[in-house]
Protein backbone atom coordinates (compact mmCIF):
# COMPACT_ATOMS: atom_id res chain seq x y z
CA MET A 1 11.92 31.97 1.21
CA SER A 2 8.19 31.66 0.88
CA GLU A 3 6.24 28.71 2.29
CA THR A 4 5.48 27.51 -1.22
CA THR A 5 9.15 27.39 -2.11
CA LEU A 6 10.02 25.44 1.04
CA PHE A 7 7.19 23.02 0.29
CA GLU A 8 8.42 22.56 -3.27
CA ILE A 9 11.99 21.91 -2.11
CA ASN A 10 10.83 19.37 0.46
CA PHE A 11 8.53 17.72 -2.08
CA ASN A 12 11.30 17.48 -4.68
CA LEU A 13 13.76 16.03 -2.18
CA ASN A 14 11.26 13.39 -1.08
CA MET A 15 10.41 12.51 -4.68
CA ASN A 16 13.86 10.94 -5.08
CA LEU A 17 13.47 8.43 -2.25
CA ILE A 18 11.97 5.16 -3.48
CA ALA A 19 11.16 2.29 -1.12
CA PRO A 20 13.65 -0.59 -1.03
CA GLU A 21 12.94 -3.32 -3.59
CA PRO A 22 11.61 -5.92 -1.09
CA ILE A 23 9.05 -3.39 0.14
CA LEU A 24 8.13 -2.42 -3.42
CA ARG A 25 7.55 -6.09 -4.29
CA ALA A 26 5.31 -6.62 -1.26
CA ALA A 27 3.38 -3.41 -1.87
CA MET A 28 2.89 -4.28 -5.54
CA ARG A 29 1.53 -7.70 -4.56
CA VAL A 30 -1.02 -6.05 -2.25
CA LEU A 31 -2.10 -3.74 -5.08
CA HIS A 32 -2.34 -6.66 -7.50
CA VAL A 33 -4.52 -8.70 -5.14
CA ALA A 34 -6.73 -5.66 -4.42
CA ALA A 35 -7.17 -5.03 -8.14
CA TYR A 36 -8.17 -8.55 -9.14
CA THR A 37 -10.29 -8.99 -6.02
CA THR A 38 -12.22 -5.81 -6.81
CA ARG A 39 -12.63 -6.89 -10.42
CA ASN A 40 -14.00 -10.26 -9.29
CA TRP A 41 -16.36 -8.70 -6.76
CA THR A 42 -17.88 -6.40 -9.35
CA CYS A 43 -18.86 -9.40 -11.49
CA HIS A 44 -21.56 -10.15 -8.91
CA ASP A 45 -24.71 -8.17 -8.23
CA ASP A 46 -24.23 -8.49 -4.46
CA ALA A 47 -20.81 -6.80 -4.38
CA SER A 48 -20.39 -4.64 -1.29
CA ILE A 49 -19.77 -1.07 -2.39
CA LYS A 50 -18.68 -0.28 1.18
CA GLN A 51 -16.07 -3.04 1.18
CA ILE A 52 -14.74 -2.00 -2.23
CA ASN A 53 -14.51 1.59 -1.02
CA ASP A 54 -12.78 0.55 2.21
CA LEU A 55 -10.30 -1.58 0.26
CA TRP A 56 -9.37 1.27 -2.05
CA GLU A 57 -9.31 3.72 0.83
CA ALA A 58 -6.67 1.48 2.42
CA ILE A 59 -4.48 1.14 -0.66
CA HIS A 60 -4.83 4.36 -2.63
CA GLU A 61 -1.88 5.98 -0.85
CA ILE A 62 0.52 3.08 -1.47
CA PRO A 63 1.83 4.14 -4.91
CA ASP A 64 2.62 7.64 -3.69
CA LEU A 65 4.03 6.40 -0.39
CA VAL A 66 6.55 4.00 -1.97
CA CYS A 67 7.71 6.83 -4.25
CA ARG A 68 8.40 9.23 -1.37
CA TRP A 69 9.94 6.77 1.09
CA ARG A 70 11.18 8.07 4.41
CA GLU A 71 11.71 6.95 7.98
CA GLY A 72 8.45 5.56 9.36
CA ALA A 73 6.89 4.99 5.94
CA GLU A 74 6.60 1.22 6.36
CA LYS A 75 4.79 1.75 9.66
CA GLU A 76 2.38 4.09 7.83
CA LEU A 77 1.85 1.54 5.05
CA LEU A 78 1.10 -1.20 7.58
CA MET A 79 -1.34 1.11 9.39
CA TYR A 80 -3.36 1.46 6.16
CA LEU A 81 -3.39 -2.32 5.67
CA ASP A 82 -4.37 -2.95 9.29
CA GLU A 83 -7.26 -0.48 9.14
CA TYR A 84 -8.81 -2.48 6.32
CA ASP A 85 -8.04 -5.85 7.94
CA GLU A 86 -9.78 -4.80 11.15
CA GLN A 87 -13.03 -4.22 9.25
CA TRP A 88 -13.04 -7.08 6.72
CA THR A 89 -12.07 -10.74 6.61
CA THR A 90 -10.80 -10.80 3.04
CA PRO A 91 -8.41 -10.10 1.49
CA LYS A 92 -6.00 -9.96 4.41
CA LEU A 93 -3.77 -7.16 3.20
CA ARG A 94 -1.12 -7.28 5.93
CA ALA A 95 -0.76 -11.06 5.59
CA ILE A 96 -0.25 -10.67 1.84
CA TYR A 97 2.37 -7.99 2.41
CA GLU A 98 4.18 -9.97 5.11
CA GLN A 99 4.12 -13.18 3.07
CA VAL A 100 6.04 -11.49 0.25
CA ARG A 101 8.47 -9.89 2.73
CA GLU A 102 9.13 -13.29 4.34
CA GLN A 103 9.68 -14.92 0.93
CA GLU A 104 12.17 -12.19 0.08
CA LYS A 105 14.04 -12.73 3.36
CA ALA A 106 14.10 -16.50 2.85
CA SER A 107 15.42 -16.20 -0.70
CA ASN A 108 18.23 -13.89 0.49
CA SER A 109 19.34 -16.26 3.25
């Protein structure tokens, strides 16, 4: 088989693995907060283009990642959130993610 064919097979297999619902809910909340925060920032002339870019750099992989879930994917997702959180004070992406995860755990207890 050619490399392209092996890549396509691997890609198609991974396409079928969606993140578990609690992770999807938490990831969607992070994306929602990032979207409305960005919208609000751009209503002001002093919006930091660097911060907006860093925020979207941190989250742009999330939709694809939750649609090709695999072992270690949550660690990768948290790494993206942490990279942003280390540079900026708001919004705290990991805290948002973990808050939803904790609410999910509490409601299932």
